[in-house]
């Protein structure tokens, strides 16, 4: 349990440190820079420079793409 909490904390810290940079628009959608948090029971997104938090609920194939993208930043 303790190692799970430590891992989660380090993951969140890493995402926070690397999460905010400038966004770009591509065609019919816009890229929004922010911080993506995920874990066993949580999947949320907070855009940079806001206090809004969006709970994410989607198909596993889409949420897996978010997880992979956030790890490569």
PDB file of N, CA and C in Angstrom:
ATOM      1  N   UNK A   1       0.831  -1.194   0.000  1.00  0.00           N
ATOM      2  CA  UNK A   1       0.000   0.000   0.000  1.00  0.00           C
ATOM      3  C   UNK A   1       0.871   1.253   0.000  1.00  0.00           C
ATOM      4  N   UNK A   2       1.912   1.266   0.855  1.00  0.00           N
ATOM      5  CA  UNK A   2       2.769   2.435   0.952  1.00  0.00           C
ATOM      6  C   UNK A   2       3.502   2.688  -0.365  1.00  0.00           C
ATOM      7  N   UNK A   3       3.975   1.616  -1.017  1.00  0.00           N
ATOM      8  CA  UNK A   3       4.680   1.792  -2.286  1.00  0.00           C
ATOM      9  C   UNK A   3       3.731   2.304  -3.371  1.00  0.00           C
ATOM     10  N   UNK A   4       2.466   1.908  -3.306  1.00  0.00           N
ATOM     11  CA  UNK A   4       1.472   2.388  -4.268  1.00  0.00           C
ATOM     12  C   UNK A   4       1.239   3.887  -4.095  1.00  0.00           C
ATOM     13  N   UNK A   5       1.166   4.341  -2.868  1.00  0.00           N
ATOM     14  CA  UNK A   5       0.976   5.767  -2.586  1.00  0.00           C
ATOM     15  C   UNK A   5       2.204   6.551  -3.024  1.00  0.00           C
ATOM     16  N   UNK A   6       3.388   6.021  -2.746  1.00  0.00           N
ATOM     17  CA  UNK A   6       4.625   6.683  -3.143  1.00  0.00           C
ATOM     18  C   UNK A   6       4.703   6.792  -4.659  1.00  0.00           C
ATOM     19  N   UNK A   7       4.387   5.705  -5.354  1.00  0.00           N
ATOM     20  CA  UNK A   7       4.403   5.719  -6.815  1.00  0.00           C
ATOM     21  C   UNK A   7       3.413   6.740  -7.351  1.00  0.00           C
ATOM     22  N   UNK A   8       2.217   6.770  -6.795  1.00  0.00           N
ATOM     23  CA  UNK A   8       1.193   7.721  -7.237  1.00  0.00           C
ATOM     24  C   UNK A   8       1.656   9.156  -7.028  1.00  0.00           C
ATOM     25  N   UNK A   9       2.261   9.424  -5.889  1.00  0.00           N
ATOM     26  CA  UNK A   9       2.761  10.767  -5.595  1.00  0.00           C
ATOM     27  C   UNK A   9       3.838  11.174  -6.593  1.00  0.00           C
ATOM     28  N   UNK A  10       4.787  10.280  -6.859  1.00  0.00           N
ATOM     29  CA  UNK A  10       5.858  10.592  -7.803  1.00  0.00           C
ATOM     30  C   UNK A  10       5.318  10.799  -9.214  1.00  0.00           C
ATOM     31  N   UNK A  11       4.339  10.012  -9.582  1.00  0.00           N
ATOM     32  CA  UNK A  11       3.724  10.155 -10.896  1.00  0.00           C
ATOM     33  C   UNK A  11       3.027  11.505 -11.028  1.00  0.00           C
ATOM     34  N   UNK A  12       2.261  11.873 -10.033  1.00  0.00           N
ATOM     35  CA  UNK A  12       1.562  13.163 -10.053  1.00  0.00           C
ATOM     36  C   UNK A  12       2.566  14.307 -10.087  1.00  0.00           C
ATOM     37  N   UNK A  13       3.616  14.219  -9.300  1.00  0.00           N
ATOM     38  CA  UNK A  13       4.641  15.258  -9.269  1.00  0.00           C
ATOM     39  C   UNK A  13       5.297  15.405 -10.636  1.00  0.00           C
ATOM     40  N   UNK A  14       5.611  14.299 -11.278  1.00  0.00           N
ATOM     41  CA  UNK A  14       6.217  14.335 -12.608  1.00  0.00           C
ATOM     42  C   UNK A  14       5.290  14.988 -13.618  1.00  0.00           C
ATOM     43  N   UNK A  15       4.029  14.636 -13.572  1.00  0.00           N
ATOM     44  CA  UNK A  15       3.060  15.212 -14.505  1.00  0.00           C
ATOM     45  C   UNK A  15       2.905  16.703 -14.260  1.00  0.00           C
ATOM     46  N   UNK A  16       2.882  17.122 -13.016  1.00  0.00           N
ATOM     47  CA  UNK A  16       2.751  18.547 -12.691  1.00  0.00           C
ATOM     48  C   UNK A  16       3.950  19.321 -13.216  1.00  0.00           C
ATOM     49  N   UNK A  17       5.131  18.790 -13.029  1.00  0.00           N
ATOM     50  CA  UNK A  17       6.346  19.488 -13.441  1.00  0.00           C
ATOM     51  C   UNK A  17       6.393  19.661 -14.955  1.00  0.00           C
ATOM     52  N   UNK A  18       5.959  18.650 -15.701  1.00  0.00           N
ATOM     53  CA  UNK A  18       6.070  18.695 -17.159  1.00  0.00           C
ATOM     54  C   UNK A  18       4.764  19.026 -17.854  1.00  0.00           C
ATOM     55  N   UNK A  19       3.695  19.260 -17.121  1.00  0.00           N
ATOM     56  CA  UNK A  19       2.367  19.341 -17.717  1.00  0.00           C
ATOM     57  C   UNK A  19       2.009  20.598 -18.468  1.00  0.00           C
ATOM     58  N   UNK A  20       2.491  21.762 -18.105  1.00  0.00           N
ATOM     59  CA  UNK A  20       1.993  22.999 -18.693  1.00  0.00           C
ATOM     60  C   UNK A  20       2.974  23.582 -19.703  1.00  0.00           C
ATOM     61  N   UNK A  21       2.527  23.681 -20.940  1.00  0.00           N
ATOM     62  CA  UNK A  21       3.257  24.372 -21.992  1.00  0.00           C
ATOM     63  C   UNK A  21       2.223  24.921 -22.961  1.00  0.00           C
ATOM     64  N   UNK A  22       2.660  25.605 -24.002  1.00  0.00           N
ATOM     65  CA  UNK A  22       1.689  26.258 -24.882  1.00  0.00           C
ATOM     66  C   UNK A  22       0.913  25.260 -25.727  1.00  0.00           C
ATOM     67  N   UNK A  23      -0.370  25.575 -25.972  1.00  0.00           N
ATOM     68  CA  UNK A  23      -1.233  24.705 -26.762  1.00  0.00           C
ATOM     69  C   UNK A  23      -1.198  25.073 -28.235  1.00  0.00           C
ATOM     70  N   UNK A  24      -1.584  24.133 -29.092  1.00  0.00           N
ATOM     71  CA  UNK A  24      -1.613  24.343 -30.534  1.00  0.00           C
ATOM     72  C   UNK A  24      -2.956  23.875 -31.066  1.00  0.00           C
ATOM     73  N   UNK A  25      -3.405  24.514 -32.131  1.00  0.00           N
ATOM     74  CA  UNK A  25      -4.657  24.117 -32.763  1.00  0.00           C
ATOM     75  C   UNK A  25      -4.353  23.258 -33.982  1.00  0.00           C
ATOM     76  N   UNK A  26      -5.087  22.156 -34.130  1.00  0.00           N
ATOM     77  CA  UNK A  26      -4.904  21.260 -35.274  1.00  0.00           C
ATOM     78  C   UNK A  26      -6.264  20.937 -35.870  1.00  0.00           C
ATOM     79  N   UNK A  27      -6.582  21.575 -36.981  1.00  0.00           N
ATOM     80  CA  UNK A  27      -7.818  21.253 -37.684  1.00  0.00           C
ATOM     81  C   UNK A  27      -9.069  21.534 -36.876  1.00  0.00           C
ATOM     82  N   UNK A  28      -9.889  20.501 -36.696  1.00  0.00           N
ATOM     83  CA  UNK A  28     -11.179  20.641 -36.031  1.00  0.00           C
ATOM     84  C   UNK A  28     -11.108  20.556 -34.514  1.00  0.00           C
ATOM     85  N   UNK A  29      -9.937  20.428 -33.959  1.00  0.00           N
ATOM     86  CA  UNK A  29      -9.819  20.335 -32.509  1.00  0.00           C
ATOM     87  C   UNK A  29      -8.639  21.168 -32.034  1.00  0.00           C
ATOM     88  N   UNK A  30      -8.611  21.455 -30.770  1.00  0.00           N
ATOM     89  CA  UNK A  30      -7.521  22.216 -30.171  1.00  0.00           C
ATOM     90  C   UNK A  30      -6.816  21.360 -29.146  1.00  0.00           C
ATOM     91  N   UNK A  31      -5.518  21.490 -29.093  1.00  0.00           N
ATOM     92  CA  UNK A  31      -4.757  20.840 -28.038  1.00  0.00           C
ATOM     93  C   UNK A  31      -4.820  21.731 -26.810  1.00  0.00           C
ATOM     94  N   UNK A  32      -5.114  21.142 -25.684  1.00  0.00           N
ATOM     95  CA  UNK A  32      -5.214  21.888 -24.436  1.00  0.00           C
ATOM     96  C   UNK A  32      -4.136  21.376 -23.504  1.00  0.00           C
ATOM     97  N   UNK A  33      -3.247  22.266 -23.101  1.00  0.00           N
ATOM     98  CA  UNK A  33      -2.192  21.880 -22.174  1.00  0.00           C
ATOM     99  C   UNK A  33      -2.740  21.844 -20.764  1.00  0.00           C
ATOM    100  N   UNK A  34      -2.297  20.870 -20.031  1.00  0.00           N
ATOM    101  CA  UNK A  34      -2.748  20.742 -18.666  1.00  0.00           C
ATOM    102  C   UNK A  34      -2.145  19.534 -17.997  1.00  0.00           C
ATOM    103  N   UNK A  35      -2.762  19.139 -16.940  1.00  0.00           N
ATOM    104  CA  UNK A  35      -2.264  18.029 -16.132  1.00  0.00           C
ATOM    105  C   UNK A  35      -3.300  16.920 -16.142  1.00  0.00           C
ATOM    106  N   UNK A  36      -2.853  15.723 -16.494  1.00  0.00           N
ATOM    107  CA  UNK A  36      -3.724  14.551 -16.534  1.00  0.00           C
ATOM    108  C   UNK A  36      -3.348  13.645 -15.377  1.00  0.00           C
ATOM    109  N   UNK A  37      -4.301  13.379 -14.501  1.00  0.00           N
ATOM    110  CA  UNK A  37      -4.098  12.490 -13.359  1.00  0.00           C
ATOM    111  C   UNK A  37      -4.861  11.201 -13.610  1.00  0.00           C
ATOM    112  N   UNK A  38      -4.242  10.082 -13.313  1.00  0.00           N
ATOM    113  CA  UNK A  38      -4.967   8.826 -13.405  1.00  0.00           C
ATOM    114  C   UNK A  38      -4.440   7.862 -12.364  1.00  0.00           C
ATOM    115  N   UNK A  39      -5.267   6.935 -12.045  1.00  0.00           N
ATOM    116  CA  UNK A  39      -4.919   5.906 -11.080  1.00  0.00           C
ATOM    117  C   UNK A  39      -5.974   4.824 -11.117  1.00  0.00           C
ATOM    118  N   UNK A  40      -6.005   4.028 -10.088  1.00  0.00           N
ATOM    119  CA  UNK A  40      -6.939   2.912 -10.043  1.00  0.00           C
ATOM    120  C   UNK A  40      -8.391   3.387 -10.099  1.00  0.00           C
ATOM    121  N   UNK A  41      -8.710   4.453  -9.394  1.00  0.00           N
ATOM    122  CA  UNK A  41     -10.100   4.923  -9.309  1.00  0.00           C
ATOM    123  C   UNK A  41     -10.293   6.343  -9.808  1.00  0.00           C
ATOM    124  N   UNK A  42      -9.313   6.909 -10.521  1.00  0.00           N
ATOM    125  CA  UNK A  42      -9.418   8.315 -10.907  1.00  0.00           C
ATOM    126  C   UNK A  42      -8.857   8.526 -12.309  1.00  0.00           C
ATOM    127  N   UNK A  43      -9.498   9.415 -13.042  1.00  0.00           N
ATOM    128  CA  UNK A  43      -9.019   9.859 -14.342  1.00  0.00           C
ATOM    129  C   UNK A  43      -9.563  11.267 -14.538  1.00  0.00           C
ATOM    130  N   UNK A  44      -8.709  12.267 -14.339  1.00  0.00           N
ATOM    131  CA  UNK A  44      -9.143  13.660 -14.416  1.00  0.00           C
ATOM    132  C   UNK A  44      -8.137  14.489 -15.209  1.00  0.00           C
ATOM    133  N   UNK A  45      -8.612  15.623 -15.715  1.00  0.00           N
ATOM    134  CA  UNK A  45      -7.767  16.548 -16.460  1.00  0.00           C
ATOM    135  C   UNK A  45      -7.997  17.953 -15.934  1.00  0.00           C
ATOM    136  N   UNK A  46      -6.897  18.680 -15.704  1.00  0.00           N
ATOM    137  CA  UNK A  46      -6.984  20.075 -15.284  1.00  0.00           C
ATOM    138  C   UNK A  46      -6.178  20.916 -16.267  1.00  0.00           C
ATOM    139  N   UNK A  47      -6.863  21.786 -17.053  1.00  0.00           N
ATOM    140  CA  UNK A  47      -6.140  22.660 -17.972  1.00  0.00           C
ATOM    141  C   UNK A  47      -5.212  23.602 -17.206  1.00  0.00           C
ATOM    142  N   UNK A  48      -4.113  23.977 -17.846  1.00  0.00           N
ATOM    143  CA  UNK A  48      -3.173  24.910 -17.222  1.00  0.00           C
ATOM    144  C   UNK A  48      -3.853  26.240 -16.920  1.00  0.00           C
ATOM    145  N   UNK A  49      -3.422  26.856 -15.854  1.00  0.00           N
ATOM    146  CA  UNK A  49      -3.853  28.200 -15.461  1.00  0.00           C
ATOM    147  C   UNK A  49      -5.346  28.295 -15.157  1.00  0.00           C
ATOM    148  N   UNK A  50      -5.963  27.182 -14.747  1.00  0.00           N
ATOM    149  CA  UNK A  50      -7.366  27.208 -14.328  1.00  0.00           C
ATOM    150  C   UNK A  50      -7.508  26.392 -13.049  1.00  0.00           C
ATOM    151  N   UNK A  51      -8.646  26.541 -12.424  1.00  0.00           N
ATOM    152  CA  UNK A  51      -8.965  25.717 -11.259  1.00  0.00           C
ATOM    153  C   UNK A  51     -10.023  24.681 -11.610  1.00  0.00           C
ATOM    154  N   UNK A  52     -10.406  24.615 -12.884  1.00  0.00           N
ATOM    155  CA  UNK A  52     -11.411  23.645 -13.317  1.00  0.00           C
ATOM    156  C   UNK A  52     -10.781  22.265 -13.435  1.00  0.00           C
ATOM    157  N   UNK A  53     -11.541  21.265 -13.046  1.00  0.00           N
ATOM    158  CA  UNK A  53     -11.097  19.879 -13.165  1.00  0.00           C
ATOM    159  C   UNK A  53     -12.199  19.103 -13.864  1.00  0.00           C
ATOM    160  N   UNK A  54     -11.818  18.319 -14.849  1.00  0.00           N
ATOM    161  CA  UNK A  54     -12.769  17.529 -15.621  1.00  0.00           C
ATOM    162  C   UNK A  54     -12.550  16.050 -15.340  1.00  0.00           C
ATOM    163  N   UNK A  55     -13.599  15.382 -14.897  1.00  0.00           N
ATOM    164  CA  UNK A  55     -13.547  13.933 -14.694  1.00  0.00           C
ATOM    165  C   UNK A  55     -13.671  13.273 -16.052  1.00  0.00           C
ATOM    166  N   UNK A  56     -12.803  12.339 -16.341  1.00  0.00           N
ATOM    167  CA  UNK A  56     -12.821  11.661 -17.632  1.00  0.00           C
ATOM    168  C   UNK A  56     -13.383  10.260 -17.475  1.00  0.00           C
ATOM    169  N   UNK A  57     -14.254   9.915 -18.390  1.00  0.00           N
ATOM    170  CA  UNK A  57     -14.854   8.589 -18.393  1.00  0.00           C
ATOM    171  C   UNK A  57     -14.977   8.175 -19.850  1.00  0.00           C
ATOM    172  N   UNK A  58     -14.241   7.164 -20.245  1.00  0.00           N
ATOM    173  CA  UNK A  58     -14.274   6.767 -21.646  1.00  0.00           C
ATOM    174  C   UNK A  58     -13.849   5.329 -21.832  1.00  0.00           C
ATOM    175  N   UNK A  59     -13.846   4.936 -23.088  1.00  0.00           N
ATOM    176  CA  UNK A  59     -13.429   3.584 -23.412  1.00  0.00           C
ATOM    177  C   UNK A  59     -11.943   3.413 -23.107  1.00  0.00           C
ATOM    178  N   UNK A  60     -11.586   2.219 -22.698  1.00  0.00           N
ATOM    179  CA  UNK A  60     -10.214   1.943 -22.285  1.00  0.00           C
ATOM    180  C   UNK A  60      -9.209   2.265 -23.389  1.00  0.00           C
ATOM    181  N   UNK A  61      -9.563   1.996 -24.662  1.00  0.00           N
ATOM    182  CA  UNK A  61      -8.623   2.255 -25.753  1.00  0.00           C
ATOM    183  C   UNK A  61      -8.290   3.745 -25.861  1.00  0.00           C
ATOM    184  N   UNK A  62      -9.226   4.619 -25.497  1.00  0.00           N
ATOM    185  CA  UNK A  62      -8.973   6.055 -25.543  1.00  0.00           C
ATOM    186  C   UNK A  62      -8.208   6.528 -24.308  1.00  0.00           C
ATOM    187  N   UNK A  63      -8.564   6.030 -23.151  1.00  0.00           N
ATOM    188  CA  UNK A  63      -7.860   6.456 -21.939  1.00  0.00           C
ATOM    189  C   UNK A  63      -6.426   5.937 -21.924  1.00  0.00           C
ATOM    190  N   UNK A  64      -6.177   4.790 -22.526  1.00  0.00           N
ATOM    191  CA  UNK A  64      -4.806   4.277 -22.621  1.00  0.00           C
ATOM    192  C   UNK A  64      -3.946   5.209 -23.467  1.00  0.00           C
ATOM    193  N   UNK A  65      -4.525   5.796 -24.520  1.00  0.00           N
ATOM    194  CA  UNK A  65      -3.787   6.754 -25.343  1.00  0.00           C
ATOM    195  C   UNK A  65      -3.398   7.977 -24.520  1.00  0.00           C
ATOM    196  N   UNK A  66      -4.306   8.444 -23.662  1.00  0.00           N
ATOM    197  CA  UNK A  66      -3.999   9.582 -22.791  1.00  0.00           C
ATOM    198  C   UNK A  66      -2.858   9.257 -21.841  1.00  0.00           C
ATOM    199  N   UNK A  67      -2.908   8.075 -21.247  1.00  0.00           N
ATOM    200  CA  UNK A  67      -1.854   7.666 -20.318  1.00  0.00           C
ATOM    201  C   UNK A  67      -0.501   7.627 -21.015  1.00  0.00           C
ATOM    202  N   UNK A  68      -0.454   7.012 -22.192  1.00  0.00           N
ATOM    203  CA  UNK A  68       0.807   6.910 -22.930  1.00  0.00           C
ATOM    204  C   UNK A  68       1.322   8.284 -23.335  1.00  0.00           C
ATOM    205  N   UNK A  69       0.431   9.149 -23.809  1.00  0.00           N
ATOM    206  CA  UNK A  69       0.839  10.491 -24.222  1.00  0.00           C
ATOM    207  C   UNK A  69       1.385  11.290 -23.046  1.00  0.00           C
ATOM    208  N   UNK A  70       0.787  11.146 -21.877  1.00  0.00           N
ATOM    209  CA  UNK A  70       1.254  11.907 -20.714  1.00  0.00           C
ATOM    210  C   UNK A  70       2.596  11.398 -20.212  1.00  0.00           C
ATOM    211  N   UNK A  71       2.918  10.153 -20.464  1.00  0.00           N
ATOM    212  CA  UNK A  71       4.194   9.593 -20.031  1.00  0.00           C
ATOM    213  C   UNK A  71       5.335   9.998 -20.951  1.00  0.00           C
ATOM    214  N   UNK A  72       5.037  10.345 -22.194  1.00  0.00           N
ATOM    215  CA  UNK A  72       6.080  10.681 -23.161  1.00  0.00           C
ATOM    216  C   UNK A  72       6.413  12.156 -23.187  1.00  0.00           C
ATOM    217  N   UNK A  73       5.738  12.959 -22.430  1.00  0.00           N
ATOM    218  CA  UNK A  73       5.972  14.405 -22.441  1.00  0.00           C
ATOM    219  C   UNK A  73       7.216  14.742 -21.676  1.00  0.00           C
TER     220      UNK A  73
END
